[in-house]
Amino acid sequence: MSLLKYIERLKRMDDLIRRKATGDVNCFALKLGISRSQISQDLHELRNIGVPIKYCKYRKTYFYEGGVGLTINFAKNSSNQAAKS
């Protein structure tokens, strides 16, 4: 999988989690067009880097504990900035 596709999937995951619109693990995987095992692996990786993702059995959705979210940013460095680093 290309890096761009993975980043887009993470952004979509983040959007669904922020809106508390994931559904259970099967629905979440279906909404992203991936397998259940893949969404489970992605959630595990995010949790391993400290993203506080929890699941609410009552609402049947994933959510960020404490209002924390995922932010992905990229910035282009000019050749002058890169040389200073």
C-alpha atoms as a PDB file:
ATOM      1  CA  MET A   1       0.000   0.000   0.000  1.00  0.00           C
ATOM      2  CA  SER A   2       1.253   3.444  -0.801  1.00  0.00           C
ATOM      3  CA  LEU A   3       1.955   5.912   1.975  1.00  0.00           C
ATOM      4  CA  LEU A   4      -0.632   8.305   0.557  1.00  0.00           C
ATOM      5  CA  LYS A   5      -3.388   5.661   0.696  1.00  0.00           C
ATOM      6  CA  TYR A   6      -2.446   4.781   4.267  1.00  0.00           C
ATOM      7  CA  ILE A   7      -2.547   8.444   5.324  1.00  0.00           C
ATOM      8  CA  GLU A   8      -5.927   8.904   3.653  1.00  0.00           C
ATOM      9  CA  ARG A   9      -7.223   5.845   5.515  1.00  0.00           C
ATOM     10  CA  LEU A  10      -5.940   7.267   8.817  1.00  0.00           C
ATOM     11  CA  LYS A  11      -7.685  10.560   8.067  1.00  0.00           C
ATOM     12  CA  ARG A  12     -10.947   8.738   7.337  1.00  0.00           C
ATOM     13  CA  MET A  13     -10.557   6.682  10.525  1.00  0.00           C
ATOM     14  CA  ASP A  14      -9.961   9.869  12.499  1.00  0.00           C
ATOM     15  CA  ASP A  15     -13.043  11.517  11.008  1.00  0.00           C
ATOM     16  CA  LEU A  16     -15.279   8.580  11.886  1.00  0.00           C
ATOM     17  CA  ILE A  17     -13.850   8.310  15.397  1.00  0.00           C
ATOM     18  CA  ARG A  18     -14.245  12.066  16.042  1.00  0.00           C
ATOM     19  CA  ARG A  19     -17.876  11.910  14.902  1.00  0.00           C
ATOM     20  CA  LYS A  20     -18.431   8.718  16.918  1.00  0.00           C
ATOM     21  CA  ALA A  21     -19.745   7.116  13.747  1.00  0.00           C
ATOM     22  CA  THR A  22     -17.606   4.001  13.460  1.00  0.00           C
ATOM     23  CA  GLY A  23     -20.045   1.317  14.527  1.00  0.00           C
ATOM     24  CA  ASP A  24     -18.577  -1.929  15.786  1.00  0.00           C
ATOM     25  CA  VAL A  25     -15.343  -3.327  14.397  1.00  0.00           C
ATOM     26  CA  ASN A  26     -17.134  -5.002  11.467  1.00  0.00           C
ATOM     27  CA  CYS A  27     -18.998  -1.811  10.484  1.00  0.00           C
ATOM     28  CA  PHE A  28     -15.833   0.253  10.910  1.00  0.00           C
ATOM     29  CA  ALA A  29     -13.916  -2.048   8.568  1.00  0.00           C
ATOM     30  CA  LEU A  30     -16.770  -1.982   6.055  1.00  0.00           C
ATOM     31  CA  LYS A  31     -16.911   1.836   6.083  1.00  0.00           C
ATOM     32  CA  LEU A  32     -13.183   1.950   5.329  1.00  0.00           C
ATOM     33  CA  GLY A  33     -13.284  -0.841   2.742  1.00  0.00           C
ATOM     34  CA  ILE A  34     -10.781  -2.977   4.626  1.00  0.00           C
ATOM     35  CA  SER A  35     -10.857  -6.282   6.486  1.00  0.00           C
ATOM     36  CA  ARG A  36     -11.698  -6.690  10.147  1.00  0.00           C
ATOM     37  CA  SER A  37      -8.152  -7.873  10.833  1.00  0.00           C
ATOM     38  CA  GLN A  38      -6.712  -4.781   9.127  1.00  0.00           C
ATOM     39  CA  ILE A  39      -8.817  -2.327  11.175  1.00  0.00           C
ATOM     40  CA  SER A  40      -7.892  -4.223  14.327  1.00  0.00           C
ATOM     41  CA  GLN A  41      -4.215  -3.953  13.411  1.00  0.00           C
ATOM     42  CA  ASP A  42      -4.535  -0.224  12.633  1.00  0.00           C
ATOM     43  CA  LEU A  43      -6.279   0.434  15.968  1.00  0.00           C
ATOM     44  CA  HIS A  44      -3.602  -1.567  17.778  1.00  0.00           C
ATOM     45  CA  GLU A  45      -0.817   0.446  16.102  1.00  0.00           C
ATOM     46  CA  LEU A  46      -2.481   3.758  16.960  1.00  0.00           C
ATOM     47  CA  ARG A  47      -2.920   2.701  20.580  1.00  0.00           C
ATOM     48  CA  ASN A  48       0.741   1.630  20.708  1.00  0.00           C
ATOM     49  CA  ILE A  49       1.848   5.153  19.805  1.00  0.00           C
ATOM     50  CA  GLY A  50      -0.338   6.603  22.532  1.00  0.00           C
ATOM     51  CA  VAL A  51      -3.581   7.497  20.762  1.00  0.00           C
ATOM     52  CA  PRO A  52      -6.307   6.949  23.416  1.00  0.00           C
ATOM     53  CA  ILE A  53      -8.917   5.116  21.348  1.00  0.00           C
ATOM     54  CA  LYS A  54     -11.657   3.383  23.330  1.00  0.00           C
ATOM     55  CA  TYR A  55     -14.812   1.495  22.387  1.00  0.00           C
ATOM     56  CA  CYS A  56     -18.242   2.230  23.884  1.00  0.00           C
ATOM     57  CA  LYS A  57     -20.374  -0.923  24.007  1.00  0.00           C
ATOM     58  CA  TYR A  58     -23.500   1.112  24.735  1.00  0.00           C
ATOM     59  CA  ARG A  59     -23.170   3.465  21.724  1.00  0.00           C
ATOM     60  CA  LYS A  60     -21.349   0.844  19.633  1.00  0.00           C
ATOM     61  CA  THR A  61     -18.647   3.210  18.442  1.00  0.00           C
ATOM     62  CA  TYR A  62     -14.981   4.002  18.909  1.00  0.00           C
ATOM     63  CA  PHE A  63     -14.062   7.366  20.416  1.00  0.00           C
ATOM     64  CA  TYR A  64     -11.057   9.348  21.612  1.00  0.00           C
ATOM     65  CA  GLU A  65     -10.776   9.347  25.383  1.00  0.00           C
ATOM     66  CA  GLY A  66     -10.350  12.847  26.776  1.00  0.00           C
ATOM     67  CA  GLY A  67     -11.180  14.596  23.521  1.00  0.00           C
ATOM     68  CA  VAL A  68      -7.733  13.839  22.093  1.00  0.00           C
ATOM     69  CA  GLY A  69      -7.500  13.270  18.352  1.00  0.00           C
ATOM     70  CA  LEU A  70      -5.120  12.418  15.573  1.00  0.00           C
ATOM     71  CA  THR A  71      -3.384  15.150  13.571  1.00  0.00           C
ATOM     72  CA  ILE A  72      -1.249  14.484  10.515  1.00  0.00           C
ATOM     73  CA  ASN A  73       0.660  17.400   9.021  1.00  0.00           C
ATOM     74  CA  PHE A  74       3.274  17.706   6.331  1.00  0.00           C
ATOM     75  CA  ALA A  75       5.357  20.736   5.517  1.00  0.00           C
ATOM     76  CA  LYS A  76       7.649  21.317   2.587  1.00  0.00           C
ATOM     77  CA  ASN A  77      11.092  22.576   3.596  1.00  0.00           C
ATOM     78  CA  SER A  78      12.946  24.930   1.307  1.00  0.00           C
ATOM     79  CA  SER A  79      16.572  24.053   0.538  1.00  0.00           C
ATOM     80  CA  ASN A  80      17.717  26.821   2.911  1.00  0.00           C
ATOM     81  CA  GLN A  81      15.699  25.445   5.803  1.00  0.00           C
ATOM     82  CA  ALA A  82      16.906  21.907   5.176  1.00  0.00           C
ATOM     83  CA  ALA A  83      20.546  23.041   5.118  1.00  0.00           C
ATOM     84  CA  LYS A  84      20.170  24.745   8.519  1.00  0.00           C
ATOM     85  CA  SER A  85      18.911  21.582  10.206  1.00  0.00           C
END
